[in-house]
PDB file of N, CA and C in Angstrom:
ATOM      1  N   MET A   1       4.467   0.732   6.465  1.00  0.00           N
ATOM      2  CA  MET A   1       4.389  -0.536   6.579  1.00  0.00           C
ATOM      3  C   MET A   1       4.740   0.284   8.236  1.00  0.00           C
ATOM      4  N   SER A   2       4.809   1.344   8.888  1.00  0.00           N
ATOM      5  CA  SER A   2       5.105   0.810  10.394  1.00  0.00           C
ATOM      6  C   SER A   2       4.062   1.280  11.111  1.00  0.00           C
ATOM      7  N   ASN A   3       3.224   1.847  10.344  1.00  0.00           N
ATOM      8  CA  ASN A   3       1.402   1.939  11.074  1.00  0.00           C
ATOM      9  C   ASN A   3       1.213   0.727  11.150  1.00  0.00           C
ATOM     10  N   ASN A   4       1.452  -0.325  10.055  1.00  0.00           N
ATOM     11  CA  ASN A   4       0.603  -1.489  10.363  1.00  0.00           C
ATOM     12  C   ASN A   4       1.217  -2.090  11.463  1.00  0.00           C
ATOM     13  N   ARG A   5       2.591  -2.040  11.312  1.00  0.00           N
ATOM     14  CA  ARG A   5       3.535  -2.999  12.615  1.00  0.00           C
ATOM     15  C   ARG A   5       2.806  -2.518  13.671  1.00  0.00           C
ATOM     16  N   SER A   6       2.756  -0.918  13.733  1.00  0.00           N
ATOM     17  CA  SER A   6       1.930  -0.586  15.247  1.00  0.00           C
ATOM     18  C   SER A   6       1.177  -0.990  15.749  1.00  0.00           C
ATOM     19  N   GLY A   7       0.148  -0.956  14.332  1.00  0.00           N
ATOM     20  CA  GLY A   7      -1.197  -1.831  14.932  1.00  0.00           C
ATOM     21  C   GLY A   7      -1.913  -2.309  15.701  1.00  0.00           C
ATOM     22  N   ALA A   8      -0.173  -3.650  15.123  1.00  0.00           N
ATOM     23  CA  ALA A   8      -0.323  -5.290  15.387  1.00  0.00           C
ATOM     24  C   ALA A   8      -0.052  -5.033  17.154  1.00  0.00           C
ATOM     25  N   PHE A   9       0.770  -4.474  17.226  1.00  0.00           N
ATOM     26  CA  PHE A   9       1.674  -4.460  18.229  1.00  0.00           C
ATOM     27  C   PHE A   9       0.276  -3.560  19.526  1.00  0.00           C
ATOM     28  N   ILE A  10      -0.082  -2.781  18.896  1.00  0.00           N
ATOM     29  CA  ILE A  10      -1.072  -2.440  20.156  1.00  0.00           C
ATOM     30  C   ILE A  10      -2.427  -3.128  20.290  1.00  0.00           C
ATOM     31  N   GLY A  11      -2.455  -3.891  19.386  1.00  0.00           N
ATOM     32  CA  GLY A  11      -3.398  -5.163  19.457  1.00  0.00           C
ATOM     33  C   GLY A  11      -3.339  -6.072  20.041  1.00  0.00           C
ATOM     34  N   GLY A  12      -1.692  -6.500  20.021  1.00  0.00           N
ATOM     35  CA  GLY A  12      -1.110  -7.686  20.655  1.00  0.00           C
ATOM     36  C   GLY A  12      -0.641  -7.043  22.281  1.00  0.00           C
ATOM     37  N   LEU A  13      -0.499  -6.194  22.223  1.00  0.00           N
ATOM     38  CA  LEU A  13      -0.428  -5.513  23.825  1.00  0.00           C
ATOM     39  C   LEU A  13      -1.702  -6.182  24.563  1.00  0.00           C
ATOM     40  N   ILE A  14      -2.710  -4.958  23.809  1.00  0.00           N
ATOM     41  CA  ILE A  14      -4.178  -5.272  24.512  1.00  0.00           C
ATOM     42  C   ILE A  14      -4.965  -6.914  24.972  1.00  0.00           C
ATOM     43  N   VAL A  15      -4.493  -7.466  23.443  1.00  0.00           N
ATOM     44  CA  VAL A  15      -4.950  -8.863  23.902  1.00  0.00           C
ATOM     45  C   VAL A  15      -4.163  -9.466  24.990  1.00  0.00           C
ATOM     46  N   GLY A  16      -2.936  -9.480  24.861  1.00  0.00           N
ATOM     47  CA  GLY A  16      -1.925 -10.037  26.150  1.00  0.00           C
ATOM     48  C   GLY A  16      -2.025  -9.886  26.975  1.00  0.00           C
ATOM     49  N   ALA A  17      -2.815  -8.625  27.434  1.00  0.00           N
ATOM     50  CA  ALA A  17      -2.680  -7.796  28.745  1.00  0.00           C
ATOM     51  C   ALA A  17      -4.176  -8.430  29.321  1.00  0.00           C
ATOM     52  N   ALA A  18      -5.289  -8.943  27.857  1.00  0.00           N
ATOM     53  CA  ALA A  18      -6.386  -9.372  29.073  1.00  0.00           C
ATOM     54  C   ALA A  18      -6.156 -10.893  28.947  1.00  0.00           C
ATOM     55  N   LEU A  19      -5.497 -11.647  28.289  1.00  0.00           N
ATOM     56  CA  LEU A  19      -5.233 -12.969  28.795  1.00  0.00           C
ATOM     57  C   LEU A  19      -4.137 -13.099  29.554  1.00  0.00           C
ATOM     58  N   GLY A  20      -3.200 -12.245  30.383  1.00  0.00           N
ATOM     59  CA  GLY A  20      -2.716 -12.059  31.118  1.00  0.00           C
ATOM     60  C   GLY A  20      -2.935 -11.892  32.451  1.00  0.00           C
ATOM     61  N   ALA A  21      -4.513 -11.068  32.491  1.00  0.00           N
ATOM     62  CA  ALA A  21      -5.117 -10.579  33.585  1.00  0.00           C
ATOM     63  C   ALA A  21      -6.089 -11.705  33.889  1.00  0.00           C
ATOM     64  N   ILE A  22      -6.680 -12.564  33.428  1.00  0.00           N
ATOM     65  CA  ILE A  22      -7.249 -13.909  33.263  1.00  0.00           C
ATOM     66  C   ILE A  22      -6.401 -14.749  33.856  1.00  0.00           C
ATOM     67  N   ALA A  23      -5.285 -15.004  33.596  1.00  0.00           N
ATOM     68  CA  ALA A  23      -4.299 -15.768  33.979  1.00  0.00           C
ATOM     69  C   ALA A  23      -3.693 -15.660  35.267  1.00  0.00           C
ATOM     70  N   GLY A  24      -3.638 -14.479  35.395  1.00  0.00           N
ATOM     71  CA  GLY A  24      -3.773 -14.267  36.644  1.00  0.00           C
ATOM     72  C   GLY A  24      -4.550 -14.431  38.022  1.00  0.00           C
ATOM     73  N   ILE A  25      -5.983 -13.757  37.493  1.00  0.00           N
ATOM     74  CA  ILE A  25      -6.972 -14.093  38.274  1.00  0.00           C
ATOM     75  C   ILE A  25      -7.144 -15.467  38.911  1.00  0.00           C
ATOM     76  N   LEU A  26      -7.026 -16.055  37.605  1.00  0.00           N
ATOM     77  CA  LEU A  26      -7.204 -17.594  37.864  1.00  0.00           C
ATOM     78  C   LEU A  26      -6.384 -18.446  38.789  1.00  0.00           C
ATOM     79  N   ALA A  27      -5.074 -17.934  38.588  1.00  0.00           N
ATOM     80  CA  ALA A  27      -3.977 -18.559  38.754  1.00  0.00           C
ATOM     81  C   ALA A  27      -3.856 -17.826  40.763  1.00  0.00           C
ATOM     82  N   ALA A  28      -4.477 -16.669  41.330  1.00  0.00           N
ATOM     83  CA  ALA A  28      -4.315 -16.196  42.416  1.00  0.00           C
ATOM     84  C   ALA A  28      -4.720 -16.938  43.514  1.00  0.00           C
ATOM     85  N   PRO A  29      -4.168 -17.116  44.496  1.00  0.00           N
ATOM     86  CA  PRO A  29      -4.663 -17.975  45.726  1.00  0.00           C
ATOM     87  C   PRO A  29      -6.068 -16.747  46.296  1.00  0.00           C
ATOM     88  N   ARG A  30      -7.182 -16.925  46.048  1.00  0.00           N
ATOM     89  CA  ARG A  30      -8.360 -16.212  46.763  1.00  0.00           C
ATOM     90  C   ARG A  30      -9.485 -17.594  46.431  1.00  0.00           C
ATOM     91  N   ALA A  31     -10.672 -17.138  47.533  1.00  0.00           N
ATOM     92  CA  ALA A  31     -11.630 -17.524  47.760  1.00  0.00           C
ATOM     93  C   ALA A  31     -12.490 -18.094  46.298  1.00  0.00           C
ATOM     94  N   GLY A  32     -13.007 -18.855  45.867  1.00  0.00           N
ATOM     95  CA  GLY A  32     -13.858 -18.867  45.257  1.00  0.00           C
ATOM     96  C   GLY A  32     -14.930 -17.968  44.398  1.00  0.00           C
ATOM     97  N   ARG A  33     -15.497 -17.400  45.676  1.00  0.00           N
ATOM     98  CA  ARG A  33     -16.635 -16.830  45.496  1.00  0.00           C
ATOM     99  C   ARG A  33     -15.815 -14.976  45.084  1.00  0.00           C
ATOM    100  N   GLU A  34     -14.442 -15.327  45.591  1.00  0.00           N
ATOM    101  CA  GLU A  34     -13.775 -13.653  44.652  1.00  0.00           C
ATOM    102  C   GLU A  34     -13.406 -13.577  43.850  1.00  0.00           C
ATOM    103  N   THR A  35     -13.081 -14.733  43.522  1.00  0.00           N
ATOM    104  CA  THR A  35     -12.248 -15.116  41.968  1.00  0.00           C
ATOM    105  C   THR A  35     -13.416 -14.873  41.264  1.00  0.00           C
ATOM    106  N   ARG A  36     -14.986 -15.890  41.098  1.00  0.00           N
ATOM    107  CA  ARG A  36     -15.794 -15.728  40.284  1.00  0.00           C
ATOM    108  C   ARG A  36     -16.323 -13.739  40.572  1.00  0.00           C
ATOM    109  N   GLN A  37     -16.053 -13.177  41.220  1.00  0.00           N
ATOM    110  CA  GLN A  37     -16.394 -12.144  41.404  1.00  0.00           C
ATOM    111  C   GLN A  37     -15.190 -11.197  39.894  1.00  0.00           C
ATOM    112  N   LEU A  38     -14.076 -11.389  41.090  1.00  0.00           N
ATOM    113  CA  LEU A  38     -13.279 -10.657  39.642  1.00  0.00           C
ATOM    114  C   LEU A  38     -13.104 -10.712  38.208  1.00  0.00           C
ATOM    115  N   LEU A  39     -13.659 -12.303  37.824  1.00  0.00           N
ATOM    116  CA  LEU A  39     -13.873 -12.728  36.533  1.00  0.00           C
ATOM    117  C   LEU A  39     -14.908 -12.471  35.939  1.00  0.00           C
ATOM    118  N   ARG A  40     -16.501 -11.889  36.896  1.00  0.00           N
ATOM    119  CA  ARG A  40     -17.451 -11.479  36.241  1.00  0.00           C
ATOM    120  C   ARG A  40     -17.072 -10.183  35.861  1.00  0.00           C
ATOM    121  N   LYS A  41     -16.369  -8.858  36.815  1.00  0.00           N
ATOM    122  CA  LYS A  41     -16.013  -7.768  35.912  1.00  0.00           C
ATOM    123  C   LYS A  41     -14.958  -8.151  35.070  1.00  0.00           C
ATOM    124  N   SER A  42     -13.811  -8.847  35.108  1.00  0.00           N
ATOM    125  CA  SER A  42     -13.536  -8.478  33.970  1.00  0.00           C
ATOM    126  C   SER A  42     -14.342  -8.974  32.833  1.00  0.00           C
ATOM    127  N   ALA A  43     -15.380  -9.994  33.043  1.00  0.00           N
ATOM    128  CA  ALA A  43     -15.805 -10.178  31.746  1.00  0.00           C
ATOM    129  C   ALA A  43     -17.176  -9.104  31.345  1.00  0.00           C
ATOM    130  N   ASP A  44     -17.318  -8.335  32.517  1.00  0.00           N
ATOM    131  CA  ASP A  44     -17.805  -6.622  31.947  1.00  0.00           C
ATOM    132  C   ASP A  44     -17.446  -6.178  31.547  1.00  0.00           C
ATOM    133  N   ALA A  45     -15.985  -6.419  31.215  1.00  0.00           N
ATOM    134  CA  ALA A  45     -15.187  -5.248  31.162  1.00  0.00           C
ATOM    135  C   ALA A  45     -14.454  -5.603  29.317  1.00  0.00           C
ATOM    136  N   LEU A  46     -14.862  -6.644  29.343  1.00  0.00           N
ATOM    137  CA  LEU A  46     -14.430  -7.373  27.578  1.00  0.00           C
ATOM    138  C   LEU A  46     -15.229  -6.556  26.551  1.00  0.00           C
ATOM    139  N   PRO A  47     -16.308  -5.961  26.258  1.00  0.00           N
ATOM    140  CA  PRO A  47     -17.053  -5.656  25.292  1.00  0.00           C
ATOM    141  C   PRO A  47     -16.458  -3.851  25.161  1.00  0.00           C
ATOM    142  N   GLU A  48     -16.036  -3.467  26.264  1.00  0.00           N
ATOM    143  CA  GLU A  48     -15.174  -2.038  25.979  1.00  0.00           C
ATOM    144  C   GLU A  48     -14.127  -2.521  25.586  1.00  0.00           C
ATOM    145  N   LEU A  49     -13.337  -3.676  26.111  1.00  0.00           N
ATOM    146  CA  LEU A  49     -11.977  -3.828  25.665  1.00  0.00           C
ATOM    147  C   LEU A  49     -12.085  -4.238  24.096  1.00  0.00           C
ATOM    148  N   ALA A  50     -13.119  -4.962  23.311  1.00  0.00           N
ATOM    149  CA  ALA A  50     -13.297  -5.352  22.378  1.00  0.00           C
ATOM    150  C   ALA A  50     -13.462  -4.019  21.504  1.00  0.00           C
ATOM    151  N   GLU A  51     -14.243  -3.194  22.081  1.00  0.00           N
ATOM    152  CA  GLU A  51     -14.343  -1.731  21.292  1.00  0.00           C
ATOM    153  C   GLU A  51     -12.895  -0.988  20.854  1.00  0.00           C
ATOM    154  N   ASP A  52     -12.246  -1.090  22.071  1.00  0.00           N
ATOM    155  CA  ASP A  52     -10.922  -0.005  21.641  1.00  0.00           C
ATOM    156  C   ASP A  52      -9.925  -0.991  21.135  1.00  0.00           C
ATOM    157  N   LEU A  53      -9.992  -2.196  21.141  1.00  0.00           N
ATOM    158  CA  LEU A  53      -9.395  -3.434  19.987  1.00  0.00           C
ATOM    159  C   LEU A  53     -10.012  -2.630  18.376  1.00  0.00           C
ATOM    160  N   SER A  54     -11.529  -2.350  18.162  1.00  0.00           N
ATOM    161  CA  SER A  54     -11.782  -2.575  17.066  1.00  0.00           C
ATOM    162  C   SER A  54     -11.341  -1.164  16.698  1.00  0.00           C
ATOM    163  N   SER A  55     -11.914  -0.091  17.668  1.00  0.00           N
ATOM    164  CA  SER A  55     -11.700   1.010  17.264  1.00  0.00           C
ATOM    165  C   SER A  55     -10.000   1.369  16.757  1.00  0.00           C
ATOM    166  N   SER A  56      -8.892   1.090  17.756  1.00  0.00           N
ATOM    167  CA  SER A  56      -7.648   1.105  17.365  1.00  0.00           C
ATOM    168  C   SER A  56      -6.957   0.088  15.687  1.00  0.00           C
ATOM    169  N   VAL A  57      -7.843  -1.220  15.609  1.00  0.00           N
ATOM    170  CA  VAL A  57      -7.774  -1.545  14.341  1.00  0.00           C
ATOM    171  C   VAL A  57      -8.066  -0.899  12.910  1.00  0.00           C
ATOM    172  N   GLN A  58      -9.258  -0.067  13.455  1.00  0.00           N
ATOM    173  CA  GLN A  58     -10.039   0.496  12.434  1.00  0.00           C
ATOM    174  C   GLN A  58      -9.503   2.029  12.095  1.00  0.00           C
ATOM    175  N   LEU A  59      -8.728   2.908  12.998  1.00  0.00           N
ATOM    176  CA  LEU A  59      -7.987   3.776  12.890  1.00  0.00           C
ATOM    177  C   LEU A  59      -6.730   3.343  12.340  1.00  0.00           C
ATOM    178  N   GLN A  60      -5.663   1.910  12.461  1.00  0.00           N
ATOM    179  CA  GLN A  60      -4.984   1.711  11.407  1.00  0.00           C
ATOM    180  C   GLN A  60      -5.328   1.282   9.977  1.00  0.00           C
ATOM    181  N   ALA A  61      -6.486   0.786  10.187  1.00  0.00           N
ATOM    182  CA  ALA A  61      -6.718   0.231   8.772  1.00  0.00           C
ATOM    183  C   ALA A  61      -7.028   1.696   7.562  1.00  0.00           C
ATOM    184  N   ASP A  62      -7.847   3.135   8.241  1.00  0.00           N
ATOM    185  CA  ASP A  62      -7.604   3.819   7.881  1.00  0.00           C
ATOM    186  C   ASP A  62      -6.110   4.862   6.817  1.00  0.00           C
ATOM    187  N   ARG A  63      -5.424   4.601   8.066  1.00  0.00           N
ATOM    188  CA  ARG A  63      -4.057   5.367   7.930  1.00  0.00           C
ATOM    189  C   ARG A  63      -3.568   4.518   6.791  1.00  0.00           C
ATOM    190  N   LEU A  64      -3.432   3.212   6.878  1.00  0.00           N
ATOM    191  CA  LEU A  64      -2.969   2.314   5.688  1.00  0.00           C
ATOM    192  C   LEU A  64      -3.498   2.590   4.361  1.00  0.00           C
ATOM    193  N   SER A  65      -4.943   2.442   4.492  1.00  0.00           N
ATOM    194  CA  SER A  65      -5.670   3.168   3.464  1.00  0.00           C
ATOM    195  C   SER A  65      -5.437   3.822   2.560  1.00  0.00           C
ATOM    196  N   GLU A  66      -5.014   5.659   4.105  1.00  0.00           N
ATOM    197  CA  GLU A  66      -4.703   6.593   2.996  1.00  0.00           C
ATOM    198  C   GLU A  66      -3.139   6.290   2.515  1.00  0.00           C
ATOM    199  N   SER A  67      -2.319   5.688   3.010  1.00  0.00           N
ATOM    200  CA  SER A  67      -1.276   5.547   2.421  1.00  0.00           C
ATOM    201  C   SER A  67      -0.834   4.691   1.406  1.00  0.00           C
ATOM    202  N   ALA A  68      -2.415   3.643   1.098  1.00  0.00           N
ATOM    203  CA  ALA A  68      -1.813   3.033  -0.264  1.00  0.00           C
ATOM    204  C   ALA A  68      -2.751   4.132  -1.441  1.00  0.00           C
ATOM    205  N   LEU A  69      -3.717   4.843  -1.040  1.00  0.00           N
ATOM    206  CA  LEU A  69      -3.994   5.860  -1.508  1.00  0.00           C
ATOM    207  C   LEU A  69      -3.025   6.539  -2.405  1.00  0.00           C
ATOM    208  N   ARG A  70      -2.088   7.387  -1.253  1.00  0.00           N
ATOM    209  CA  ARG A  70      -0.954   8.235  -2.047  1.00  0.00           C
ATOM    210  C   ARG A  70      -0.142   7.682  -2.879  1.00  0.00           C
ATOM    211  N   ASN A  71       0.414   6.286  -2.374  1.00  0.00           N
ATOM    212  CA  ASN A  71       1.152   5.347  -3.383  1.00  0.00           C
ATOM    213  C   ASN A  71       0.560   5.386  -4.355  1.00  0.00           C
ATOM    214  N   TRP A  72      -0.506   4.975  -4.774  1.00  0.00           N
ATOM    215  CA  TRP A  72      -1.572   4.750  -5.781  1.00  0.00           C
ATOM    216  C   TRP A  72      -1.347   6.010  -6.760  1.00  0.00           C
ATOM    217  N   ASP A  73      -1.638   6.900  -6.489  1.00  0.00           N
ATOM    218  CA  ASP A  73      -1.322   8.406  -6.587  1.00  0.00           C
ATOM    219  C   ASP A  73      -0.229   8.332  -7.630  1.00  0.00           C
ATOM    220  N   SER A  74       0.927   8.347  -6.754  1.00  0.00           N
ATOM    221  CA  SER A  74       2.015   8.402  -7.361  1.00  0.00           C
ATOM    222  C   SER A  74       2.874   7.433  -8.397  1.00  0.00           C
ATOM    223  N   THR A  75       1.803   6.345  -8.309  1.00  0.00           N
ATOM    224  CA  THR A  75       2.015   5.477  -9.130  1.00  0.00           C
ATOM    225  C   THR A  75       1.356   5.957 -10.037  1.00  0.00           C
ATOM    226  N   LEU A  76       0.353   6.307 -10.490  1.00  0.00           N
ATOM    227  CA  LEU A  76      -0.321   7.063 -11.670  1.00  0.00           C
ATOM    228  C   LEU A  76       0.063   8.154 -12.241  1.00  0.00           C
ATOM    229  N   ILE A  77       0.757   9.007 -11.656  1.00  0.00           N
ATOM    230  CA  ILE A  77       1.674  10.112 -12.024  1.00  0.00           C
ATOM    231  C   ILE A  77       2.939   9.423 -12.733  1.00  0.00           C
ATOM    232  N   ARG A  78       3.271   8.682 -11.984  1.00  0.00           N
ATOM    233  CA  ARG A  78       4.306   8.322 -12.769  1.00  0.00           C
ATOM    234  C   ARG A  78       4.208   7.185 -14.433  1.00  0.00           C
ATOM    235  N   LEU A  79       3.180   6.430 -14.409  1.00  0.00           N
ATOM    236  CA  LEU A  79       2.730   6.034 -15.625  1.00  0.00           C
ATOM    237  C   LEU A  79       2.459   6.764 -16.477  1.00  0.00           C
ATOM    238  N   ARG A  80       1.584   7.855 -16.257  1.00  0.00           N
ATOM    239  CA  ARG A  80       0.936   8.968 -17.014  1.00  0.00           C
ATOM    240  C   ARG A  80       2.665   9.361 -17.622  1.00  0.00           C
ATOM    241  N   GLU A  81       3.668   9.981 -17.259  1.00  0.00           N
ATOM    242  CA  GLU A  81       4.767  10.445 -17.355  1.00  0.00           C
ATOM    243  C   GLU A  81       5.593   9.350 -18.378  1.00  0.00           C
ATOM    244  N   ALA A  82       5.670   7.897 -17.987  1.00  0.00           N
ATOM    245  CA  ALA A  82       6.010   7.240 -18.637  1.00  0.00           C
ATOM    246  C   ALA A  82       5.572   6.757 -19.855  1.00  0.00           C
ATOM    247  N   ILE A  83       3.964   6.973 -19.956  1.00  0.00           N
ATOM    248  CA  ILE A  83       3.488   6.552 -21.405  1.00  0.00           C
ATOM    249  C   ILE A  83       3.296   7.927 -22.156  1.00  0.00           C
ATOM    250  N   ALA A  84       3.402   9.023 -21.930  1.00  0.00           N
ATOM    251  CA  ALA A  84       3.741  10.467 -22.247  1.00  0.00           C
ATOM    252  C   ALA A  84       4.744   9.822 -22.670  1.00  0.00           C
ATOM    253  N   ALA A  85       6.027   9.827 -22.470  1.00  0.00           N
ATOM    254  CA  ALA A  85       7.244   9.569 -23.046  1.00  0.00           C
ATOM    255  C   ALA A  85       7.615   8.686 -23.697  1.00  0.00           C
ATOM    256  N   GLY A  86       6.796   7.694 -23.692  1.00  0.00           N
ATOM    257  CA  GLY A  86       6.921   6.847 -24.812  1.00  0.00           C
ATOM    258  C   GLY A  86       6.475   7.105 -25.927  1.00  0.00           C
ATOM    259  N   ILE A  87       5.329   8.008 -26.156  1.00  0.00           N
ATOM    260  CA  ILE A  87       4.520   8.269 -27.338  1.00  0.00           C
ATOM    261  C   ILE A  87       4.995   9.425 -27.780  1.00  0.00           C
ATOM    262  N   GLU A  88       6.094  10.437 -27.224  1.00  0.00           N
ATOM    263  CA  GLU A  88       7.302  11.406 -27.692  1.00  0.00           C
ATOM    264  C   GLU A  88       7.971  10.842 -28.289  1.00  0.00           C
ATOM    265  N   ALA A  89       8.588   9.517 -28.252  1.00  0.00           N
ATOM    266  CA  ALA A  89       9.888   8.854 -28.644  1.00  0.00           C
ATOM    267  C   ALA A  89       9.702   8.366 -29.493  1.00  0.00           C
ATOM    268  N   THR A  90       8.458   7.990 -30.144  1.00  0.00           N
ATOM    269  CA  THR A  90       7.738   7.371 -31.175  1.00  0.00           C
ATOM    270  C   THR A  90       7.359   7.905 -32.240  1.00  0.00           C
ATOM    271  N   GLN A  91       7.436   9.194 -31.779  1.00  0.00           N
ATOM    272  CA  GLN A  91       6.753  10.330 -32.474  1.00  0.00           C
ATOM    273  C   GLN A  91       8.463  10.529 -33.026  1.00  0.00           C
ATOM    274  N   ARG A  92       9.279  10.582 -32.292  1.00  0.00           N
ATOM    275  CA  ARG A  92      10.386  11.113 -32.650  1.00  0.00           C
ATOM    276  C   ARG A  92      11.397  10.370 -33.719  1.00  0.00           C
ATOM    277  N   GLU A  93      10.567   9.038 -33.315  1.00  0.00           N
ATOM    278  CA  GLU A  93      11.426   7.755 -34.294  1.00  0.00           C
ATOM    279  C   GLU A  93      10.827   7.577 -35.877  1.00  0.00           C
ATOM    280  N   ARG A  94       9.382   8.675 -35.689  1.00  0.00           N
ATOM    281  CA  ARG A  94       8.895   8.035 -36.893  1.00  0.00           C
ATOM    282  C   ARG A  94       9.169   9.181 -37.681  1.00  0.00           C
ATOM    283  N   GLN A  95       9.477  10.164 -37.230  1.00  0.00           N
ATOM    284  CA  GLN A  95      10.211  11.575 -37.516  1.00  0.00           C
ATOM    285  C   GLN A  95      11.491  11.336 -38.770  1.00  0.00           C
ATOM    286  N   VAL A  96      12.226  10.256 -38.140  1.00  0.00           N
ATOM    287  CA  VAL A  96      13.512   9.993 -38.234  1.00  0.00           C
ATOM    288  C   VAL A  96      13.444   9.498 -39.279  1.00  0.00           C
ATOM    289  N   VAL A  97      12.348   8.359 -39.319  1.00  0.00           N
ATOM    290  CA  VAL A  97      12.504   7.332 -39.851  1.00  0.00           C
ATOM    291  C   VAL A  97      11.674   7.695 -41.601  1.00  0.00           C
ATOM    292  N   GLU A  98      10.802   8.483 -41.440  1.00  0.00           N
ATOM    293  CA  GLU A  98      10.248   9.239 -42.277  1.00  0.00           C
ATOM    294  C   GLU A  98      10.920   9.735 -43.188  1.00  0.00           C
ATOM    295  N   THR A  99      12.204  10.807 -42.356  1.00  0.00           N
ATOM    296  CA  THR A  99      13.293  11.429 -43.455  1.00  0.00           C
ATOM    297  C   THR A  99      13.950  10.765 -43.871  1.00  0.00           C
ATOM    298  N   MET A 100      14.458   9.437 -43.484  1.00  0.00           N
ATOM    299  CA  MET A 100      15.257   8.690 -44.107  1.00  0.00           C
ATOM    300  C   MET A 100      14.343   8.051 -45.250  1.00  0.00           C
ATOM    301  N   GLU A 101      13.538   8.033 -45.181  1.00  0.00           N
ATOM    302  CA  GLU A 101      13.051   7.236 -46.306  1.00  0.00           C
ATOM    303  C   GLU A 101      12.416   8.059 -47.204  1.00  0.00           C
ATOM    304  N   ALA A 102      12.781   9.575 -47.403  1.00  0.00           N
ATOM    305  CA  ALA A 102      12.320  10.474 -48.219  1.00  0.00           C
ATOM    306  C   ALA A 102      13.854  11.097 -48.892  1.00  0.00           C
ATOM    307  N   LYS A 103      14.971  10.743 -47.720  1.00  0.00           N
ATOM    308  CA  LYS A 103      16.014  11.213 -48.952  1.00  0.00           C
ATOM    309  C   LYS A 103      16.773   9.576 -49.200  1.00  0.00           C
ATOM    310  N   ALA A 104      16.129   8.562 -48.748  1.00  0.00           N
ATOM    311  CA  ALA A 104      16.186   7.112 -50.154  1.00  0.00           C
ATOM    312  C   ALA A 104      15.919   7.682 -50.991  1.00  0.00           C
ATOM    313  N   SER A 105      14.268   7.943 -50.671  1.00  0.00           N
ATOM    314  CA  SER A 105      13.087   7.539 -52.197  1.00  0.00           C
ATOM    315  C   SER A 105      13.460   8.584 -53.166  1.00  0.00           C
ATOM    316  N   SER A 106      14.524   9.927 -53.151  1.00  0.00           N
ATOM    317  CA  SER A 106      14.827  11.259 -53.770  1.00  0.00           C
ATOM    318  C   SER A 106      15.933  10.838 -54.493  1.00  0.00           C
ATOM    319  N   GLU A 107      17.126  10.355 -53.861  1.00  0.00           N
ATOM    320  CA  GLU A 107      18.303   9.408 -54.307  1.00  0.00           C
ATOM    321  C   GLU A 107      17.656   8.246 -55.314  1.00  0.00           C
ATOM    322  N   VAL A 108      16.719   7.320 -55.347  1.00  0.00           N
ATOM    323  CA  VAL A 108      15.986   6.282 -56.262  1.00  0.00           C
ATOM    324  C   VAL A 108      15.439   6.864 -57.578  1.00  0.00           C
ATOM    325  N   ASP A 109      14.726   8.273 -57.197  1.00  0.00           N
ATOM    326  CA  ASP A 109      14.477   8.958 -58.100  1.00  0.00           C
ATOM    327  C   ASP A 109      15.217   9.926 -59.027  1.00  0.00           C
ATOM    328  N   LYS A 110      16.372  10.320 -58.899  1.00  0.00           N
ATOM    329  CA  LYS A 110      17.435  10.711 -59.706  1.00  0.00           C
ATOM    330  C   LYS A 110      17.841  10.070 -60.927  1.00  0.00           C
ATOM    331  N   PRO A 111      17.644  11.003 -61.904  1.00  0.00           N
ATOM    332  CA  PRO A 111      18.076  10.161 -62.932  1.00  0.00           C
ATOM    333  C   PRO A 111      19.816   9.869 -62.716  1.00  0.00           C
ATOM    334  N   VAL A 112      20.092   8.728 -63.832  1.00  0.00           N
ATOM    335  CA  VAL A 112      21.663   8.287 -63.456  1.00  0.00           C
ATOM    336  C   VAL A 112      22.191   8.753 -63.852  1.00  0.00           C
ATOM    337  N   HIS A 113      22.427   9.983 -65.357  1.00  0.00           N
ATOM    338  CA  HIS A 113      23.657  10.583 -65.302  1.00  0.00           C
ATOM    339  C   HIS A 113      23.879  11.984 -64.164  1.00  0.00           C
ATOM    340  N   ASP A 114      22.942  11.819 -63.382  1.00  0.00           N
ATOM    341  CA  ASP A 114      23.017  13.123 -62.024  1.00  0.00           C
ATOM    342  C   ASP A 114      23.948  12.198 -61.083  1.00  0.00           C
ATOM    343  N   ASN A 115      23.867  11.108 -61.040  1.00  0.00           N
ATOM    344  CA  ASN A 115      24.361  10.015 -59.798  1.00  0.00           C
ATOM    345  C   ASN A 115      25.995  10.303 -60.178  1.00  0.00           C
ATOM    346  N   LEU A 116      26.200   9.807 -62.030  1.00  0.00           N
ATOM    347  CA  LEU A 116      27.773   9.832 -62.078  1.00  0.00           C
ATOM    348  C   LEU A 116      28.260  11.038 -61.781  1.00  0.00           C
ATOM    349  N   MET A 117      27.826  12.255 -61.695  1.00  0.00           N
ATOM    350  CA  MET A 117      28.480  13.469 -61.354  1.00  0.00           C
ATOM    351  C   MET A 117      28.831  13.561 -60.092  1.00  0.00           C
TER     352      MET A 117
END
């Protein structure tokens, strides 16, 4: 989760820097021609900035994907262990019930005079 937050922070930092630079250029006391040249240079740098942002987002997505896969694998392992434990407990309980039924059945089948002694 911290990887996701750091990716969002980096993305926000890049976008904030770009917006701050544009606002600074527009508010600066320069001649129109100089301002237009700076805007043109900034506009030319936008594809590179977008590519950097895209790379950063892709890197964070890959990290998040790897983390999700690790979590999924550990969840599957725990699920398999829980199912195996449930099957084992069911088999033990079945043996107990069968033993009790066998005892009850053998006591019912005894002749009456054996029960009196």
